[in-house]
Amino acid sequence: PKKLLGVPADQAEREGMALLQRVGLAD
């Protein structure tokens, strides 16, 4: 997302954590 979609780093990390939460891997 950061490299190809140009998503800012902080936004990419927030969205990434949300996805990891969804798949049960936040920890």
mmCIF file of all heavy atoms, coordinates in Angstrom:
data_MODEL
# 
_entry.id   MODEL 
# 
loop_
_atom_site.group_PDB 
_atom_site.id 
_atom_site.type_symbol 
_atom_site.label_atom_id 
_atom_site.label_alt_id 
_atom_site.label_comp_id 
_atom_site.label_asym_id 
_atom_site.label_entity_id 
_atom_site.label_seq_id 
_atom_site.pdbx_PDB_ins_code 
_atom_site.Cartn_x 
_atom_site.Cartn_y 
_atom_site.Cartn_z 
_atom_site.occupancy 
_atom_site.B_iso_or_equiv 
_atom_site.pdbx_formal_charge 
_atom_site.auth_seq_id 
_atom_site.auth_comp_id 
_atom_site.auth_asym_id 
_atom_site.auth_atom_id 
_atom_site.pdbx_PDB_model_num 
ATOM 1   N N   . PRO A 1 1  ? 0.809   -1.224  0.000  1.00 0.00 ? 1  PRO A N   1 
ATOM 2   C CA  . PRO A 1 1  ? 0.000   0.000   0.000  1.00 0.00 ? 1  PRO A CA  1 
ATOM 3   C C   . PRO A 1 1  ? 0.841   1.272   0.000  1.00 0.00 ? 1  PRO A C   1 
ATOM 4   O O   . PRO A 1 1  ? 0.503   2.248   -0.678 1.00 0.00 ? 1  PRO A O   1 
ATOM 5   C CB  . PRO A 1 1  ? -0.831  -0.135  1.286  1.00 0.00 ? 1  PRO A CB  1 
ATOM 6   C CG  . PRO A 1 1  ? -0.917  -1.601  1.521  1.00 0.00 ? 1  PRO A CG  1 
ATOM 7   C CD  . PRO A 1 1  ? 0.391   -2.151  1.067  1.00 0.00 ? 1  PRO A CD  1 
ATOM 8   N N   . LYS A 1 2  ? 1.946   1.263   0.751  1.00 0.00 ? 2  LYS A N   1 
ATOM 9   C CA  . LYS A 1 2  ? 2.797   2.463   0.784  1.00 0.00 ? 2  LYS A CA  1 
ATOM 10  C C   . LYS A 1 2  ? 3.507   2.681   -0.542 1.00 0.00 ? 2  LYS A C   1 
ATOM 11  O O   . LYS A 1 2  ? 3.533   3.798   -1.063 1.00 0.00 ? 2  LYS A O   1 
ATOM 12  C CB  . LYS A 1 2  ? 3.825   2.335   1.918  1.00 0.00 ? 2  LYS A CB  1 
ATOM 13  C CG  . LYS A 1 2  ? 3.224   2.462   3.305  1.00 0.00 ? 2  LYS A CG  1 
ATOM 14  C CD  . LYS A 1 2  ? 4.272   2.630   4.386  1.00 0.00 ? 2  LYS A CD  1 
ATOM 15  C CE  . LYS A 1 2  ? 5.092   1.381   4.592  1.00 0.00 ? 2  LYS A CE  1 
ATOM 16  N NZ  . LYS A 1 2  ? 6.030   1.507   5.740  1.00 0.00 ? 2  LYS A NZ  1 
ATOM 17  N N   . LYS A 1 3  ? 4.044   1.596   -1.107 1.00 0.00 ? 3  LYS A N   1 
ATOM 18  C CA  . LYS A 1 3  ? 4.851   1.735   -2.315 1.00 0.00 ? 3  LYS A CA  1 
ATOM 19  C C   . LYS A 1 3  ? 4.014   1.903   -3.578 1.00 0.00 ? 3  LYS A C   1 
ATOM 20  O O   . LYS A 1 3  ? 4.317   2.734   -4.447 1.00 0.00 ? 3  LYS A O   1 
ATOM 21  C CB  . LYS A 1 3  ? 5.769   0.524   -2.459 1.00 0.00 ? 3  LYS A CB  1 
ATOM 22  C CG  . LYS A 1 3  ? 6.707   0.604   -3.652 1.00 0.00 ? 3  LYS A CG  1 
ATOM 23  C CD  . LYS A 1 3  ? 7.663   -0.568  -3.677 1.00 0.00 ? 3  LYS A CD  1 
ATOM 24  C CE  . LYS A 1 3  ? 8.631   -0.473  -4.856 1.00 0.00 ? 3  LYS A CE  1 
ATOM 25  N NZ  . LYS A 1 3  ? 9.592   -1.598  -4.899 1.00 0.00 ? 3  LYS A NZ  1 
ATOM 26  N N   . LEU A 1 4  ? 2.932   1.117   -3.692 1.00 0.00 ? 4  LEU A N   1 
ATOM 27  C CA  . LEU A 1 4  ? 2.171   1.096   -4.941 1.00 0.00 ? 4  LEU A CA  1 
ATOM 28  C C   . LEU A 1 4  ? 0.960   2.018   -4.934 1.00 0.00 ? 4  LEU A C   1 
ATOM 29  O O   . LEU A 1 4  ? 0.584   2.550   -5.982 1.00 0.00 ? 4  LEU A O   1 
ATOM 30  C CB  . LEU A 1 4  ? 1.723   -0.342  -5.245 1.00 0.00 ? 4  LEU A CB  1 
ATOM 31  C CG  . LEU A 1 4  ? 2.856   -1.359  -5.435 1.00 0.00 ? 4  LEU A CG  1 
ATOM 32  C CD1 . LEU A 1 4  ? 2.282   -2.758  -5.664 1.00 0.00 ? 4  LEU A CD1 1 
ATOM 33  C CD2 . LEU A 1 4  ? 3.772   -0.959  -6.591 1.00 0.00 ? 4  LEU A CD2 1 
ATOM 34  N N   . LEU A 1 5  ? 0.327   2.172   -3.770 1.00 0.00 ? 5  LEU A N   1 
ATOM 35  C CA  . LEU A 1 5  ? -0.863  3.024   -3.698 1.00 0.00 ? 5  LEU A CA  1 
ATOM 36  C C   . LEU A 1 5  ? -0.552  4.417   -3.156 1.00 0.00 ? 5  LEU A C   1 
ATOM 37  O O   . LEU A 1 5  ? -1.435  5.291   -3.172 1.00 0.00 ? 5  LEU A O   1 
ATOM 38  C CB  . LEU A 1 5  ? -1.935  2.357   -2.811 1.00 0.00 ? 5  LEU A CB  1 
ATOM 39  C CG  . LEU A 1 5  ? -2.456  0.987   -3.262 1.00 0.00 ? 5  LEU A CG  1 
ATOM 40  C CD1 . LEU A 1 5  ? -3.553  0.509   -2.308 1.00 0.00 ? 5  LEU A CD1 1 
ATOM 41  C CD2 . LEU A 1 5  ? -2.985  1.048   -4.688 1.00 0.00 ? 5  LEU A CD2 1 
ATOM 42  N N   . GLY A 1 6  ? 0.670   4.596   -2.644 1.00 0.00 ? 6  GLY A N   1 
ATOM 43  C CA  . GLY A 1 6  ? 1.037   5.914   -2.113 1.00 0.00 ? 6  GLY A CA  1 
ATOM 44  C C   . GLY A 1 6  ? 0.350   6.249   -0.803 1.00 0.00 ? 6  GLY A C   1 
ATOM 45  O O   . GLY A 1 6  ? 0.182   7.426   -0.461 1.00 0.00 ? 6  GLY A O   1 
ATOM 46  N N   . VAL A 1 7  ? -0.060  5.217   -0.048 1.00 0.00 ? 7  VAL A N   1 
ATOM 47  C CA  . VAL A 1 7  ? -0.717  5.455   1.240  1.00 0.00 ? 7  VAL A CA  1 
ATOM 48  C C   . VAL A 1 7  ? 0.330   5.956   2.242  1.00 0.00 ? 7  VAL A C   1 
ATOM 49  O O   . VAL A 1 7  ? 1.406   5.352   2.365  1.00 0.00 ? 7  VAL A O   1 
ATOM 50  C CB  . VAL A 1 7  ? -1.383  4.160   1.759  1.00 0.00 ? 7  VAL A CB  1 
ATOM 51  C CG1 . VAL A 1 7  ? -2.012  4.394   3.132  1.00 0.00 ? 7  VAL A CG1 1 
ATOM 52  C CG2 . VAL A 1 7  ? -2.421  3.663   0.765  1.00 0.00 ? 7  VAL A CG2 1 
ATOM 53  N N   . PRO A 1 8  ? 0.063   7.054   2.957  1.00 0.00 ? 8  PRO A N   1 
ATOM 54  C CA  . PRO A 1 8  ? 1.022   7.541   3.969  1.00 0.00 ? 8  PRO A CA  1 
ATOM 55  C C   . PRO A 1 8  ? 1.330   6.465   4.993  1.00 0.00 ? 8  PRO A C   1 
ATOM 56  O O   . PRO A 1 8  ? 0.476   5.632   5.317  1.00 0.00 ? 8  PRO A O   1 
ATOM 57  C CB  . PRO A 1 8  ? 0.284   8.731   4.596  1.00 0.00 ? 8  PRO A CB  1 
ATOM 58  C CG  . PRO A 1 8  ? -0.683  9.182   3.538  1.00 0.00 ? 8  PRO A CG  1 
ATOM 59  C CD  . PRO A 1 8  ? -1.113  7.929   2.832  1.00 0.00 ? 8  PRO A CD  1 
ATOM 60  N N   . ALA A 1 9  ? 2.535   6.470   5.514  1.00 0.00 ? 9  ALA A N   1 
ATOM 61  C CA  . ALA A 1 9  ? 3.006   5.405   6.405  1.00 0.00 ? 9  ALA A CA  1 
ATOM 62  C C   . ALA A 1 9  ? 2.115   5.220   7.615  1.00 0.00 ? 9  ALA A C   1 
ATOM 63  O O   . ALA A 1 9  ? 1.775   4.083   7.986  1.00 0.00 ? 9  ALA A O   1 
ATOM 64  C CB  . ALA A 1 9  ? 4.446   5.704   6.843  1.00 0.00 ? 9  ALA A CB  1 
ATOM 65  N N   . ASP A 1 10 ? 1.718   6.334   8.270  1.00 0.00 ? 10 ASP A N   1 
ATOM 66  C CA  . ASP A 1 10 ? 0.900   6.182   9.482  1.00 0.00 ? 10 ASP A CA  1 
ATOM 67  C C   . ASP A 1 10 ? -0.469  5.594   9.162  1.00 0.00 ? 10 ASP A C   1 
ATOM 68  O O   . ASP A 1 10 ? -1.006  4.767   9.911  1.00 0.00 ? 10 ASP A O   1 
ATOM 69  C CB  . ASP A 1 10 ? 0.772   7.522   10.219 1.00 0.00 ? 10 ASP A CB  1 
ATOM 70  C CG  . ASP A 1 10 ? 0.152   8.621   9.360  1.00 0.00 ? 10 ASP A CG  1 
ATOM 71  O OD1 . ASP A 1 10 ? 0.101   8.449   8.106  1.00 0.00 ? 10 ASP A OD1 1 
ATOM 72  O OD2 . ASP A 1 10 ? -0.277  9.640   9.916  1.00 0.00 ? 10 ASP A OD2 1 
ATOM 73  N N   . GLN A 1 11 ? -1.048  6.004   8.030  1.00 0.00 ? 11 GLN A N   1 
ATOM 74  C CA  . GLN A 1 11 ? -2.343  5.455   7.622  1.00 0.00 ? 11 GLN A CA  1 
ATOM 75  C C   . GLN A 1 11 ? -2.207  3.970   7.267  1.00 0.00 ? 11 GLN A C   1 
ATOM 76  O O   . GLN A 1 11 ? -3.048  3.150   7.645  1.00 0.00 ? 11 GLN A O   1 
ATOM 77  C CB  . GLN A 1 11 ? -2.905  6.222   6.425  1.00 0.00 ? 11 GLN A CB  1 
ATOM 78  C CG  . GLN A 1 11 ? -4.251  5.685   5.934  1.00 0.00 ? 11 GLN A CG  1 
ATOM 79  C CD  . GLN A 1 11 ? -4.748  6.413   4.680  1.00 0.00 ? 11 GLN A CD  1 
ATOM 80  O OE1 . GLN A 1 11 ? -4.282  7.492   4.342  1.00 0.00 ? 11 GLN A OE1 1 
ATOM 81  N NE2 . GLN A 1 11 ? -5.697  5.807   3.982  1.00 0.00 ? 11 GLN A NE2 1 
ATOM 82  N N   . ALA A 1 12 ? -1.128  3.635   6.538  1.00 0.00 ? 12 ALA A N   1 
ATOM 83  C CA  . ALA A 1 12 ? -0.912  2.240   6.152  1.00 0.00 ? 12 ALA A CA  1 
ATOM 84  C C   . ALA A 1 12 ? -0.755  1.358   7.388  1.00 0.00 ? 12 ALA A C   1 
ATOM 85  O O   . ALA A 1 12 ? -1.271  0.229   7.424  1.00 0.00 ? 12 ALA A O   1 
ATOM 86  C CB  . ALA A 1 12 ? 0.324   2.127   5.262  1.00 0.00 ? 12 ALA A CB  1 
ATOM 87  N N   . GLU A 1 13 ? -0.091  1.849   8.420  1.00 0.00 ? 13 GLU A N   1 
ATOM 88  C CA  . GLU A 1 13 ? 0.095   1.064   9.633  1.00 0.00 ? 13 GLU A CA  1 
ATOM 89  C C   . GLU A 1 13 ? -1.209  0.901   10.400 1.00 0.00 ? 13 GLU A C   1 
ATOM 90  O O   . GLU A 1 13 ? -1.489  -0.159  10.948 1.00 0.00 ? 13 GLU A O   1 
ATOM 91  C CB  . GLU A 1 13 ? 1.175   1.710   10.512 1.00 0.00 ? 13 GLU A CB  1 
ATOM 92  C CG  . GLU A 1 13 ? 2.568   1.575   9.899  1.00 0.00 ? 13 GLU A CG  1 
ATOM 93  C CD  . GLU A 1 13 ? 3.646   2.153   10.785 1.00 0.00 ? 13 GLU A CD  1 
ATOM 94  O OE1 . GLU A 1 13 ? 3.338   2.533   11.936 1.00 0.00 ? 13 GLU A OE1 1 
ATOM 95  O OE2 . GLU A 1 13 ? 4.813   2.216   10.330 1.00 0.00 ? 13 GLU A OE2 1 
ATOM 96  N N   . ARG A 1 14 ? -2.023  1.985   10.451 1.00 0.00 ? 14 ARG A N   1 
ATOM 97  C CA  . ARG A 1 14 ? -3.326  1.874   11.122 1.00 0.00 ? 14 ARG A CA  1 
ATOM 98  C C   . ARG A 1 14 ? -4.199  0.838   10.417 1.00 0.00 ? 14 ARG A C   1 
ATOM 99  O O   . ARG A 1 14 ? -4.816  -0.021  11.064 1.00 0.00 ? 14 ARG A O   1 
ATOM 100 C CB  . ARG A 1 14 ? -4.042  3.234   11.134 1.00 0.00 ? 14 ARG A CB  1 
ATOM 101 C CG  . ARG A 1 14 ? -3.482  4.240   12.119 1.00 0.00 ? 14 ARG A CG  1 
ATOM 102 C CD  . ARG A 1 14 ? -4.489  5.383   12.351 1.00 0.00 ? 14 ARG A CD  1 
ATOM 103 N NE  . ARG A 1 14 ? -4.933  5.994   11.107 1.00 0.00 ? 14 ARG A NE  1 
ATOM 104 C CZ  . ARG A 1 14 ? -4.304  7.010   10.506 1.00 0.00 ? 14 ARG A CZ  1 
ATOM 105 N NH1 . ARG A 1 14 ? -3.188  7.488   11.026 1.00 0.00 ? 14 ARG A NH1 1 
ATOM 106 N NH2 . ARG A 1 14 ? -4.785  7.522   9.391  1.00 0.00 ? 14 ARG A NH2 1 
ATOM 107 N N   . GLU A 1 15 ? -4.255  0.938   9.077  1.00 0.00 ? 15 GLU A N   1 
ATOM 108 C CA  . GLU A 1 15 ? -5.076  0.004   8.318  1.00 0.00 ? 15 GLU A CA  1 
ATOM 109 C C   . GLU A 1 15 ? -4.501  -1.419  8.403  1.00 0.00 ? 15 GLU A C   1 
ATOM 110 O O   . GLU A 1 15 ? -5.240  -2.401  8.473  1.00 0.00 ? 15 GLU A O   1 
ATOM 111 C CB  . GLU A 1 15 ? -5.167  0.456   6.858  1.00 0.00 ? 15 GLU A CB  1 
ATOM 112 C CG  . GLU A 1 15 ? -5.943  1.759   6.694  1.00 0.00 ? 15 GLU A CG  1 
ATOM 113 C CD  . GLU A 1 15 ? -5.975  2.246   5.256  1.00 0.00 ? 15 GLU A CD  1 
ATOM 114 O OE1 . GLU A 1 15 ? -5.308  1.633   4.392  1.00 0.00 ? 15 GLU A OE1 1 
ATOM 115 O OE2 . GLU A 1 15 ? -6.667  3.268   4.992  1.00 0.00 ? 15 GLU A OE2 1 
ATOM 116 N N   . GLY A 1 16 ? -3.152  -1.488  8.421  1.00 0.00 ? 16 GLY A N   1 
ATOM 117 C CA  . GLY A 1 16 ? -2.522  -2.798  8.544  1.00 0.00 ? 16 GLY A CA  1 
ATOM 118 C C   . GLY A 1 16 ? -2.844  -3.465  9.868  1.00 0.00 ? 16 GLY A C   1 
ATOM 119 O O   . GLY A 1 16 ? -3.122  -4.665  9.919  1.00 0.00 ? 16 GLY A O   1 
ATOM 120 N N   . MET A 1 17 ? -2.811  -2.711  10.948 1.00 0.00 ? 17 MET A N   1 
ATOM 121 C CA  . MET A 1 17 ? -3.159  -3.272  12.260 1.00 0.00 ? 17 MET A CA  1 
ATOM 122 C C   . MET A 1 17 ? -4.608  -3.722  12.311 1.00 0.00 ? 17 MET A C   1 
ATOM 123 O O   . MET A 1 17 ? -4.939  -4.734  12.927 1.00 0.00 ? 17 MET A O   1 
ATOM 124 C CB  . MET A 1 17 ? -2.881  -2.241  13.361 1.00 0.00 ? 17 MET A CB  1 
ATOM 125 C CG  . MET A 1 17 ? -1.404  -2.098  13.718 1.00 0.00 ? 17 MET A CG  1 
ATOM 126 S SD  . MET A 1 17 ? -0.643  -3.647  14.283 1.00 0.00 ? 17 MET A SD  1 
ATOM 127 C CE  . MET A 1 17 ? -1.668  -4.053  15.714 1.00 0.00 ? 17 MET A CE  1 
ATOM 128 N N   . ALA A 1 18 ? -5.481  -2.940  11.649 1.00 0.00 ? 18 ALA A N   1 
ATOM 129 C CA  . ALA A 1 18 ? -6.897  -3.328  11.607 1.00 0.00 ? 18 ALA A CA  1 
ATOM 130 C C   . ALA A 1 18 ? -7.069  -4.667  10.874 1.00 0.00 ? 18 ALA A C   1 
ATOM 131 O O   . ALA A 1 18 ? -7.867  -5.516  11.287 1.00 0.00 ? 18 ALA A O   1 
ATOM 132 C CB  . ALA A 1 18 ? -7.715  -2.233  10.926 1.00 0.00 ? 18 ALA A CB  1 
ATOM 133 N N   . LEU A 1 19 ? -6.304  -4.850  9.794  1.00 0.00 ? 19 LEU A N   1 
ATOM 134 C CA  . LEU A 1 19 ? -6.386  -6.109  9.053  1.00 0.00 ? 19 LEU A CA  1 
ATOM 135 C C   . LEU A 1 19 ? -5.817  -7.268  9.872  1.00 0.00 ? 19 LEU A C   1 
ATOM 136 O O   . LEU A 1 19 ? -6.373  -8.371  9.862  1.00 0.00 ? 19 LEU A O   1 
ATOM 137 C CB  . LEU A 1 19 ? -5.632  -5.978  7.728  1.00 0.00 ? 19 LEU A CB  1 
ATOM 138 C CG  . LEU A 1 19 ? -6.286  -5.089  6.673  1.00 0.00 ? 19 LEU A CG  1 
ATOM 139 C CD1 . LEU A 1 19 ? -5.367  -4.922  5.472  1.00 0.00 ? 19 LEU A CD1 1 
ATOM 140 C CD2 . LEU A 1 19 ? -7.630  -5.675  6.245  1.00 0.00 ? 19 LEU A CD2 1 
ATOM 141 N N   . LEU A 1 20 ? -4.721  -7.009  10.582 1.00 0.00 ? 20 LEU A N   1 
ATOM 142 C CA  . LEU A 1 20 ? -4.161  -8.062  11.423 1.00 0.00 ? 20 LEU A CA  1 
ATOM 143 C C   . LEU A 1 20 ? -5.114  -8.423  12.557 1.00 0.00 ? 20 LEU A C   1 
ATOM 144 O O   . LEU A 1 20 ? -5.224  -9.594  12.946 1.00 0.00 ? 20 LEU A O   1 
ATOM 145 C CB  . LEU A 1 20 ? -2.802  -7.625  11.983 1.00 0.00 ? 20 LEU A CB  1 
ATOM 146 C CG  . LEU A 1 20 ? -1.672  -7.522  10.952 1.00 0.00 ? 20 LEU A CG  1 
ATOM 147 C CD1 . LEU A 1 20 ? -0.396  -7.011  11.613 1.00 0.00 ? 20 LEU A CD1 1 
ATOM 148 C CD2 . LEU A 1 20 ? -1.427  -8.873  10.282 1.00 0.00 ? 20 LEU A CD2 1 
ATOM 149 N N   . GLN A 1 21 ? -5.804  -7.426  13.069 1.00 0.00 ? 21 GLN A N   1 
ATOM 150 C CA  . GLN A 1 21 ? -6.827  -7.691  14.084 1.00 0.00 ? 21 GLN A CA  1 
ATOM 151 C C   . GLN A 1 21 ? -7.912  -8.588  13.500 1.00 0.00 ? 21 GLN A C   1 
ATOM 152 O O   . GLN A 1 21 ? -8.366  -9.537  14.136 1.00 0.00 ? 21 GLN A O   1 
ATOM 153 C CB  . GLN A 1 21 ? -7.431  -6.370  14.573 1.00 0.00 ? 21 GLN A CB  1 
ATOM 154 C CG  . GLN A 1 21 ? -8.508  -6.527  15.650 1.00 0.00 ? 21 GLN A CG  1 
ATOM 155 C CD  . GLN A 1 21 ? -7.915  -6.888  16.998 1.00 0.00 ? 21 GLN A CD  1 
ATOM 156 O OE1 . GLN A 1 21 ? -6.852  -6.376  17.355 1.00 0.00 ? 21 GLN A OE1 1 
ATOM 157 N NE2 . GLN A 1 21 ? -8.583  -7.776  17.728 1.00 0.00 ? 21 GLN A NE2 1 
ATOM 158 N N   . ARG A 1 22 ? -8.274  -8.313  12.269 1.00 0.00 ? 22 ARG A N   1 
ATOM 159 C CA  . ARG A 1 22 ? -9.342  -9.080  11.625 1.00 0.00 ? 22 ARG A CA  1 
ATOM 160 C C   . ARG A 1 22 ? -8.951  -10.539 11.431 1.00 0.00 ? 22 ARG A C   1 
ATOM 161 O O   . ARG A 1 22 ? -9.795  -11.427 11.563 1.00 0.00 ? 22 ARG A O   1 
ATOM 162 C CB  . ARG A 1 22 ? -9.681  -8.455  10.271 1.00 0.00 ? 22 ARG A CB  1 
ATOM 163 C CG  . ARG A 1 22 ? -10.737 -9.223  9.525  1.00 0.00 ? 22 ARG A CG  1 
ATOM 164 C CD  . ARG A 1 22 ? -11.217 -8.501  8.307  1.00 0.00 ? 22 ARG A CD  1 
ATOM 165 N NE  . ARG A 1 22 ? -12.332 -9.209  7.710  1.00 0.00 ? 22 ARG A NE  1 
ATOM 166 C CZ  . ARG A 1 22 ? -13.007 -8.797  6.669  1.00 0.00 ? 22 ARG A CZ  1 
ATOM 167 N NH1 . ARG A 1 22 ? -12.704 -7.656  6.087  1.00 0.00 ? 22 ARG A NH1 1 
ATOM 168 N NH2 . ARG A 1 22 ? -14.016 -9.510  6.198  1.00 0.00 ? 22 ARG A NH2 1 
ATOM 169 N N   . VAL A 1 23 ? -7.692  -10.798 11.104 1.00 0.00 ? 23 VAL A N   1 
ATOM 170 C CA  . VAL A 1 23 ? -7.274  -12.178 10.876 1.00 0.00 ? 23 VAL A CA  1 
ATOM 171 C C   . VAL A 1 23 ? -6.682  -12.814 12.131 1.00 0.00 ? 23 VAL A C   1 
ATOM 172 O O   . VAL A 1 23 ? -6.100  -13.909 12.076 1.00 0.00 ? 23 VAL A O   1 
ATOM 173 C CB  . VAL A 1 23 ? -6.264  -12.277 9.705  1.00 0.00 ? 23 VAL A CB  1 
ATOM 174 C CG1 . VAL A 1 23 ? -6.878  -11.756 8.423  1.00 0.00 ? 23 VAL A CG1 1 
ATOM 175 C CG2 . VAL A 1 23 ? -4.955  -11.567 10.027 1.00 0.00 ? 23 VAL A CG2 1 
ATOM 176 N N   . GLY A 1 24 ? -6.814  -12.128 13.266 1.00 0.00 ? 24 GLY A N   1 
ATOM 177 C CA  . GLY A 1 24 ? -6.392  -12.705 14.535 1.00 0.00 ? 24 GLY A CA  1 
ATOM 178 C C   . GLY A 1 24 ? -4.894  -12.677 14.776 1.00 0.00 ? 24 GLY A C   1 
ATOM 179 O O   . GLY A 1 24 ? -4.366  -13.520 15.512 1.00 0.00 ? 24 GLY A O   1 
ATOM 180 N N   . LEU A 1 25 ? -4.193  -11.684 14.201 1.00 0.00 ? 25 LEU A N   1 
ATOM 181 C CA  . LEU A 1 25 ? -2.735  -11.644 14.329 1.00 0.00 ? 25 LEU A CA  1 
ATOM 182 C C   . LEU A 1 25 ? -2.223  -10.315 14.869 1.00 0.00 ? 25 LEU A C   1 
ATOM 183 O O   . LEU A 1 25 ? -1.044  -9.984  14.697 1.00 0.00 ? 25 LEU A O   1 
ATOM 184 C CB  . LEU A 1 25 ? -2.078  -11.909 12.968 1.00 0.00 ? 25 LEU A CB  1 
ATOM 185 C CG  . LEU A 1 25 ? -2.178  -13.327 12.404 1.00 0.00 ? 25 LEU A CG  1 
ATOM 186 C CD1 . LEU A 1 25 ? -1.535  -13.400 11.025 1.00 0.00 ? 25 LEU A CD1 1 
ATOM 187 C CD2 . LEU A 1 25 ? -1.519  -14.343 13.339 1.00 0.00 ? 25 LEU A CD2 1 
ATOM 188 N N   . ALA A 1 26 ? -3.066  -9.549  15.521 1.00 0.00 ? 26 ALA A N   1 
ATOM 189 C CA  . ALA A 1 26 ? -2.629  -8.249  16.022 1.00 0.00 ? 26 ALA A CA  1 
ATOM 190 C C   . ALA A 1 26 ? -1.447  -8.394  16.982 1.00 0.00 ? 26 ALA A C   1 
ATOM 191 O O   . ALA A 1 26 ? -0.538  -7.550  17.006 1.00 0.00 ? 26 ALA A O   1 
ATOM 192 C CB  . ALA A 1 26 ? -3.786  -7.529  16.705 1.00 0.00 ? 26 ALA A CB  1 
ATOM 193 N N   . ASP A 1 27 ? -1.427  -9.470  17.749 1.00 0.00 ? 27 ASP A N   1 
ATOM 194 C CA  . ASP A 1 27 ? -0.345  -9.671  18.716 1.00 0.00 ? 27 ASP A CA  1 
ATOM 195 C C   . ASP A 1 27 ? 0.949   -10.155 18.063 1.00 0.00 ? 27 ASP A C   1 
ATOM 196 O O   . ASP A 1 27 ? 1.981   -10.264 18.727 1.00 0.00 ? 27 ASP A O   1 
ATOM 197 C CB  . ASP A 1 27 ? -0.776  -10.663 19.795 1.00 0.00 ? 27 ASP A CB  1 
ATOM 198 C CG  . ASP A 1 27 ? -1.107  -12.039 19.235 1.00 0.00 ? 27 ASP A CG  1 
ATOM 199 O OD1 . ASP A 1 27 ? -1.529  -12.111 18.057 1.00 0.00 ? 27 ASP A OD1 1 
ATOM 200 O OD2 . ASP A 1 27 ? -0.949  -13.042 19.960 1.00 0.00 ? 27 ASP A OD2 1 
# 
